[in-house]
Protein backbone atom coordinates (compact mmCIF):
# COMPACT_ATOMS: atom_id res chain seq x y z
CA MET A 1 0.00 0.00 0.00
CA SER A 2 1.13 3.56 -0.71
CA GLU A 3 -1.21 6.56 -0.38
CA VAL A 4 -4.60 5.66 1.04
CA THR A 5 -7.45 7.39 2.84
CA PHE A 6 -8.13 6.90 6.55
CA ARG A 7 -11.31 5.03 5.57
CA GLY A 8 -9.46 2.90 3.03
CA ALA A 9 -6.74 1.98 5.52
CA ILE A 10 -9.26 0.57 7.99
CA GLN A 11 -11.11 -1.21 5.21
CA GLN A 12 -7.90 -2.83 3.97
CA ALA A 13 -6.96 -3.96 7.48
CA LEU A 14 -10.40 -5.51 7.97
CA ALA A 15 -10.18 -7.30 4.63
CA GLU A 16 -6.75 -8.72 5.43
CA ALA A 17 -7.91 -9.89 8.86
CA LEU A 18 -10.95 -11.63 7.34
CA GLU A 19 -8.73 -13.24 4.74
CA SER A 20 -6.06 -14.48 7.13
CA ASP A 21 -8.16 -15.69 10.07
CA ASP A 22 -11.43 -17.62 9.77
CA ARG A 23 -12.31 -16.63 13.35
CA VAL A 24 -12.70 -12.97 12.38
CA PHE A 25 -16.16 -11.67 11.42
CA LEU A 26 -17.82 -8.27 11.26
CA LEU A 27 -21.21 -7.24 12.66
CA GLY A 28 -23.15 -4.02 12.97
CA GLU A 29 -26.01 -1.91 11.67
CA ASP A 30 -25.95 -1.49 7.87
CA ILE A 31 -22.34 -2.67 7.53
CA ALA A 32 -23.08 -5.34 4.92
CA ALA A 33 -25.17 -4.33 1.91
CA ALA A 34 -24.90 -0.59 2.67
CA GLY A 35 -21.18 -0.71 3.48
CA GLY A 36 -21.57 1.12 6.78
CA ALA A 37 -22.69 4.66 7.56
CA PHE A 38 -19.24 5.97 6.59
CA LYS A 39 -18.57 3.33 3.89
CA VAL A 40 -15.69 1.74 5.80
CA THR A 41 -16.98 -1.81 5.14
CA GLU A 42 -18.06 -1.18 1.55
CA GLY A 43 -17.37 -4.19 -0.69
CA LEU A 44 -16.57 -6.61 2.13
CA LEU A 45 -19.93 -8.41 1.92
CA GLU A 46 -19.29 -9.21 -1.73
CA ARG A 47 -15.82 -10.53 -0.95
CA PHE A 48 -16.51 -12.53 2.20
CA GLY A 49 -20.22 -13.33 2.27
CA ARG A 50 -23.04 -12.97 4.79
CA GLU A 51 -21.52 -15.40 7.31
CA ARG A 52 -18.52 -13.11 7.79
CA VAL A 53 -20.13 -9.66 7.32
CA LEU A 54 -23.40 -9.50 9.26
CA ASP A 55 -26.08 -6.81 9.33
CA THR A 56 -27.71 -6.59 12.75
CA PRO A 57 -30.95 -5.15 14.11
CA ILE A 58 -30.92 -1.56 15.34
CA SER A 59 -29.83 -2.61 18.81
CA GLU A 60 -26.47 -1.72 20.30
CA GLN A 61 -27.16 -4.13 23.13
CA ALA A 62 -27.64 -6.97 20.64
CA ILE A 63 -24.43 -6.06 18.81
CA ILE A 64 -22.22 -5.97 21.90
CA GLY A 65 -23.94 -8.97 23.48
CA THR A 66 -23.29 -11.01 20.34
CA ALA A 67 -19.67 -9.86 20.24
CA VAL A 68 -19.10 -10.86 23.87
CA GLY A 69 -20.63 -14.30 23.37
CA ALA A 70 -18.79 -14.94 20.11
CA ALA A 71 -15.44 -13.93 21.60
CA LEU A 72 -15.98 -16.21 24.59
CA ARG A 73 -16.61 -19.06 22.15
CA GLY A 74 -13.25 -18.52 20.44
CA LEU A 75 -14.12 -16.14 17.59
CA ARG A 76 -12.69 -12.67 16.99
CA PRO A 77 -15.63 -10.36 16.33
CA VAL A 78 -15.21 -6.83 15.04
CA ALA A 79 -18.41 -5.01 15.99
CA GLU A 80 -19.42 -1.57 14.77
CA LEU A 81 -21.48 0.94 16.71
CA MET A 82 -22.59 3.43 14.06
CA PHE A 83 -21.93 6.45 16.28
CA ALA A 84 -19.72 6.33 19.36
CA ASP A 85 -22.38 8.26 21.25
CA PHE A 86 -24.59 5.16 21.06
CA SER A 87 -22.19 3.28 23.32
CA GLY A 88 -24.20 4.83 26.14
CA VAL A 89 -27.07 2.52 25.21
CA CYS A 90 -24.89 -0.56 25.87
CA PHE A 91 -22.51 0.92 28.44
CA ASP A 92 -23.30 -1.81 30.97
CA GLN A 93 -22.37 -4.55 28.53
CA ILE A 94 -19.07 -2.87 27.71
CA ALA A 95 -18.12 -1.78 31.23
CA ASN A 96 -19.49 -4.70 33.26
CA GLN A 97 -19.32 -7.64 30.84
CA LEU A 98 -16.82 -7.10 28.02
CA ALA A 99 -14.25 -5.44 30.28
CA LYS A 100 -14.49 -7.78 33.25
CA TYR A 101 -14.84 -11.34 31.92
CA ARG A 102 -11.11 -12.04 31.91
CA TYR A 103 -10.70 -10.66 35.44
CA VAL A 104 -13.68 -12.39 37.07
CA THR A 105 -12.70 -15.76 35.56
CA GLY A 106 -9.10 -15.48 36.73
CA GLY A 107 -7.90 -15.41 33.14
CA GLN A 108 -9.74 -18.60 32.15
CA ALA A 109 -11.94 -16.69 29.69
CA ARG A 110 -10.77 -14.08 27.23
CA VAL A 111 -12.81 -11.67 25.14
CA PRO A 112 -10.79 -10.74 22.03
CA ALA A 113 -13.46 -8.41 20.62
CA THR A 114 -12.85 -5.16 18.76
CA ILE A 115 -15.54 -2.47 18.95
CA ARG A 116 -15.35 0.11 16.17
CA MET A 117 -16.99 3.49 16.82
CA ALA A 118 -17.23 6.69 14.76
CA ASN A 119 -16.68 9.70 16.98
CA GLY A 120 -15.89 13.40 16.88
CA ALA A 121 -17.39 16.74 15.92
CA GLY A 122 -17.14 18.89 12.79
CA GLY A 123 -19.61 17.08 10.55
CA GLY A 124 -22.84 18.79 11.58
CA PHE A 125 -24.26 15.71 13.28
CA ALA A 126 -25.40 17.67 16.37
CA ALA A 127 -25.06 17.08 20.11
CA GLN A 128 -26.04 13.41 20.29
CA HIS A 129 -23.88 12.24 17.36
CA SER A 130 -20.70 14.33 17.66
CA GLN A 131 -19.06 13.55 20.98
CA THR A 132 -15.57 12.20 21.59
CA VAL A 133 -16.66 9.55 24.04
CA GLU A 134 -13.38 7.69 24.55
CA ASN A 135 -13.11 9.56 27.84
CA TRP A 136 -16.23 7.78 29.12
CA PHE A 137 -14.20 4.56 29.27
CA LEU A 138 -10.98 5.79 30.90
CA ASN A 139 -12.24 4.59 34.27
CA VAL A 140 -13.18 1.10 33.01
CA PRO A 141 -10.23 -1.26 33.64
CA GLY A 142 -10.13 -4.20 31.26
CA VAL A 143 -10.55 -2.48 27.90
CA LYS A 144 -7.90 -0.95 25.68
CA ILE A 145 -8.60 2.26 23.76
CA ALA A 146 -7.19 3.01 20.31
CA VAL A 147 -7.47 6.50 18.77
CA PRO A 148 -5.60 6.50 15.42
CA GLY A 149 -4.67 9.88 13.98
CA SER A 150 -3.38 8.91 10.51
CA PRO A 151 -4.17 6.32 7.82
CA ALA A 152 -1.01 4.34 8.64
CA ASP A 153 -1.87 4.22 12.34
CA ALA A 154 -5.48 3.29 11.55
CA TYR A 155 -4.26 0.35 9.47
CA ASP A 156 -1.70 -0.87 12.01
CA LEU A 157 -3.83 -0.34 15.10
CA MET A 158 -6.80 -2.15 13.56
CA HIS A 159 -4.60 -5.19 12.95
CA ALA A 160 -3.17 -4.92 16.48
CA SER A 161 -6.65 -4.62 17.99
CA ILE A 162 -8.04 -7.69 16.23
CA VAL A 163 -5.19 -9.97 17.30
CA ASP A 164 -5.10 -8.65 20.89
CA GLU A 165 -6.40 -11.02 23.56
CA ASP A 166 -8.23 -8.20 25.37
CA PRO A 167 -11.21 -6.16 24.17
CA VAL A 168 -10.28 -3.00 22.29
CA LEU A 169 -12.43 0.08 21.73
CA PHE A 170 -11.37 1.51 18.37
CA PHE A 171 -12.40 5.11 17.68
CA GLU A 172 -12.53 6.48 14.12
CA HIS A 173 -12.91 10.24 13.75
CA LYS A 174 -15.68 11.08 11.31
CA LEU A 175 -13.90 14.14 9.94
CA MET A 176 -10.79 12.11 9.08
CA MET A 177 -12.37 9.54 6.76
CA ASN A 178 -11.02 11.23 3.62
CA VAL A 179 -7.64 12.22 5.08
CA LYS A 180 -4.89 10.72 2.91
CA GLY A 181 -1.52 9.41 3.94
CA ASP A 182 1.23 7.01 2.94
CA ILE A 183 1.66 3.55 4.42
CA GLU A 184 5.31 2.76 3.87
CA PRO A 185 6.19 -0.95 3.68
CA ASP A 186 9.41 -0.50 5.67
CA ARG A 187 7.89 1.54 8.54
CA GLU A 188 7.78 0.41 12.17
CA PRO A 189 4.14 -0.65 12.64
CA ALA A 190 2.08 1.04 15.34
CA VAL A 191 1.29 -1.13 18.35
CA LEU A 192 -1.10 -0.72 21.23
CA GLY A 193 0.51 1.29 24.03
CA ARG A 194 3.26 3.04 22.08
CA ALA A 195 3.09 6.74 21.18
CA CYS A 196 4.78 8.24 18.14
CA VAL A 197 6.69 11.47 17.66
CA VAL A 198 4.90 13.03 14.69
CA ARG A 199 7.22 16.02 14.53
CA PRO A 200 10.46 16.54 16.51
CA GLY A 201 11.02 19.80 18.38
CA THR A 202 12.91 21.44 21.22
CA ASP A 203 10.74 24.21 22.72
CA VAL A 204 7.32 22.74 23.53
CA THR A 205 5.90 19.22 23.80
CA LEU A 206 2.43 19.16 22.20
CA VAL A 207 0.36 16.01 22.70
CA ALA A 208 -2.75 15.44 20.56
CA THR A 209 -4.87 12.65 19.06
CA GLN A 210 -7.02 12.11 15.96
CA LEU A 211 -8.30 15.35 14.34
CA MET A 212 -6.46 17.40 16.95
CA ARG A 213 -3.20 15.74 15.87
CA VAL A 214 -3.81 17.06 12.36
CA ARG A 215 -4.57 20.56 13.66
CA ALA A 216 -1.64 20.46 16.08
CA ASP A 217 0.71 19.65 13.22
CA GLU A 218 -0.68 22.61 11.26
CA ALA A 219 -0.11 24.85 14.27
CA ALA A 220 3.46 23.55 14.68
CA GLU A 221 4.17 24.41 11.04
CA THR A 222 2.94 27.96 11.60
CA LEU A 223 4.97 28.33 14.80
CA ALA A 224 8.11 27.09 13.05
CA GLU A 225 7.93 30.12 10.78
CA SER A 226 8.39 32.34 13.84
CA GLY A 227 11.22 30.22 15.26
CA VAL A 228 9.28 28.17 17.82
CA SER A 229 10.14 24.45 17.65
CA VAL A 230 7.21 22.24 18.67
CA GLU A 231 7.47 18.50 19.22
CA VAL A 232 4.13 16.87 18.33
CA ILE A 233 3.36 13.53 19.98
CA ASP A 234 0.39 11.30 19.21
CA PRO A 235 -0.33 8.76 22.01
CA ARG A 236 -2.23 6.58 19.48
CA THR A 237 -3.77 4.65 22.36
CA LEU A 238 -5.23 6.10 25.55
CA VAL A 239 -5.18 2.74 27.32
CA PRO A 240 -2.35 1.84 27.60
CA LEU A 241 -1.14 5.48 27.72
CA ASP A 242 2.52 5.95 26.84
CA VAL A 243 3.53 8.58 29.41
CA ALA A 244 7.21 7.63 29.07
CA THR A 245 7.50 9.06 25.54
CA VAL A 246 6.03 12.36 26.77
CA LEU A 247 8.47 12.50 29.69
CA THR A 248 11.41 11.87 27.36
CA SER A 249 10.27 14.80 25.25
CA LEU A 250 9.84 17.04 28.30
CA GLU A 251 13.47 16.43 29.25
CA ARG A 252 14.29 18.50 26.16
CA THR A 253 11.42 21.01 26.05
CA GLY A 254 10.29 21.61 29.65
CA ARG A 255 6.87 22.77 28.45
CA LEU A 256 3.70 20.70 27.93
CA LEU A 257 0.56 21.51 25.95
CA VAL A 258 -2.25 18.98 25.45
CA VAL A 259 -4.78 19.49 22.65
CA GLN A 260 -7.99 17.47 22.76
CA GLU A 261 -11.45 17.78 21.28
CA SER A 262 -13.44 16.90 24.38
CA PRO A 263 -14.06 19.10 27.43
CA PHE A 264 -11.43 19.08 30.17
CA ALA A 265 -13.13 17.24 33.05
CA GLY A 266 -12.42 13.50 33.28
CA SER A 267 -10.43 13.53 30.04
CA TRP A 268 -7.32 11.74 28.81
CA GLY A 269 -5.55 15.09 28.64
CA ALA A 270 -6.26 15.80 32.30
CA THR A 271 -5.05 12.28 33.11
CA LEU A 272 -1.80 12.84 31.21
CA ILE A 273 -1.13 16.15 32.93
CA ALA A 274 -1.81 14.55 36.31
CA ALA A 275 0.62 11.71 35.55
CA VAL A 276 3.35 14.13 34.42
CA THR A 277 3.04 16.38 37.48
CA ARG A 278 2.93 13.34 39.77
CA ASP A 279 5.93 11.55 38.29
CA ALA A 280 8.16 14.28 36.89
CA LEU A 281 7.19 17.74 38.13
CA GLU A 282 10.85 18.76 38.07
CA LEU A 283 10.87 18.52 34.25
CA LEU A 284 8.37 21.37 33.86
CA ASP A 285 9.61 24.92 33.37
CA ALA A 286 6.03 26.24 33.20
CA PRO A 287 2.59 25.00 34.27
CA PRO A 288 1.16 22.57 31.71
CA ARG A 289 -1.74 23.84 29.61
CA ILE A 290 -4.64 22.24 27.78
CA VAL A 291 -6.59 23.39 24.73
CA CYS A 292 -9.95 21.63 24.56
CA GLY A 293 -13.61 21.81 23.62
CA ASP A 294 -15.94 23.94 25.71
CA ASP A 295 -17.89 22.44 28.59
CA THR A 296 -21.12 22.36 26.57
CA PRO A 297 -22.86 19.93 24.24
CA VAL A 298 -21.52 20.07 20.68
CA PRO A 299 -23.51 22.73 18.77
CA TYR A 300 -25.40 21.86 15.59
CA ALA A 301 -25.03 25.15 13.68
CA GLY A 302 -21.90 25.00 11.55
CA VAL A 303 -20.38 28.30 12.65
CA MET A 304 -20.97 27.46 16.32
CA GLU A 305 -19.58 23.93 15.94
CA GLU A 306 -16.40 25.27 14.36
CA ALA A 307 -16.08 27.80 17.19
CA TRP A 308 -16.47 24.95 19.69
CA LEU A 309 -13.69 22.85 18.14
CA PRO A 310 -10.08 23.74 18.97
CA THR A 311 -8.48 25.32 15.89
CA PRO A 312 -4.85 25.64 14.79
CA ASP A 313 -5.03 29.35 15.67
CA ARG A 314 -6.06 28.54 19.25
CA VAL A 315 -3.19 26.07 19.49
CA VAL A 316 -0.71 28.67 18.19
CA ALA A 317 -1.95 31.19 20.77
CA ALA A 318 -1.65 28.66 23.59
CA VAL A 319 1.92 27.76 22.61
CA GLU A 320 2.91 31.43 22.43
CA GLU A 321 1.46 32.03 25.89
CA LEU A 322 3.24 28.94 27.22
CA MET A 323 6.54 30.22 25.81
CA ARG A 324 6.08 33.47 27.76
CA ALA A 325 5.39 31.65 31.05
């Protein structure tokens, strides 16, 4: 593979997993004949048939319940919840069943299920279809959380999620589906629990995921023109969270800025800042800062939604303020 869209990278990874492992199957609302709400599974029904690509009723509880049961029986289901916001409908099954089976059985039972969810604002889907809900699951031990921010990472992390012996929640940002990127054959593949340095720098460590990684990189390019060197780090997974890579960066920069789409409270960014100040306060030359969405539901009106989302300009302003601290 060379240049591919974010959507195409996930689709290719799913196809390869279906081809290489008979235990893998897909299930979800409209993923078969319709190819999914965001066309990620388009063409897979024709290639692999209705026993491997299953349309389900409009019931998130049925989808997750089936995935849990199938995984316990030795299969590797990849379930899709059309919008991540709908995980609230089946939160009990994810938090109290999927996440805890391995623990409550003393490791005798494993649940290698991957749950795909489309999340994020910017598409005009309004308050109940635009949230970045990965933060809802930060306090649920037993699940891993993948948040790819490039086509290459989406491809690699999907493969890593499917083969993992633990359940993985895999979040796909709706506004990134057409983002293009190269998947180099000689690259080091992304793995669960390992961050990547997207852009090296010496003045500020900027940590961001998904759409915010893209906007953070744009901001870093702008700042470079004025002589500010920003190191951009993408955690790629929130559980496990690679704090060590951030600390290594802070040894050089001494300044930390987190950029996230969700509000501050209970977020992965707040968790990262807490871990850094707990474990390595001496590395900080200035108080860490966070650029995030407002503490309101995501607006529907386009101009208000864009004002709600952190922009490259807001990131530039936050870095400049951090440099003056």
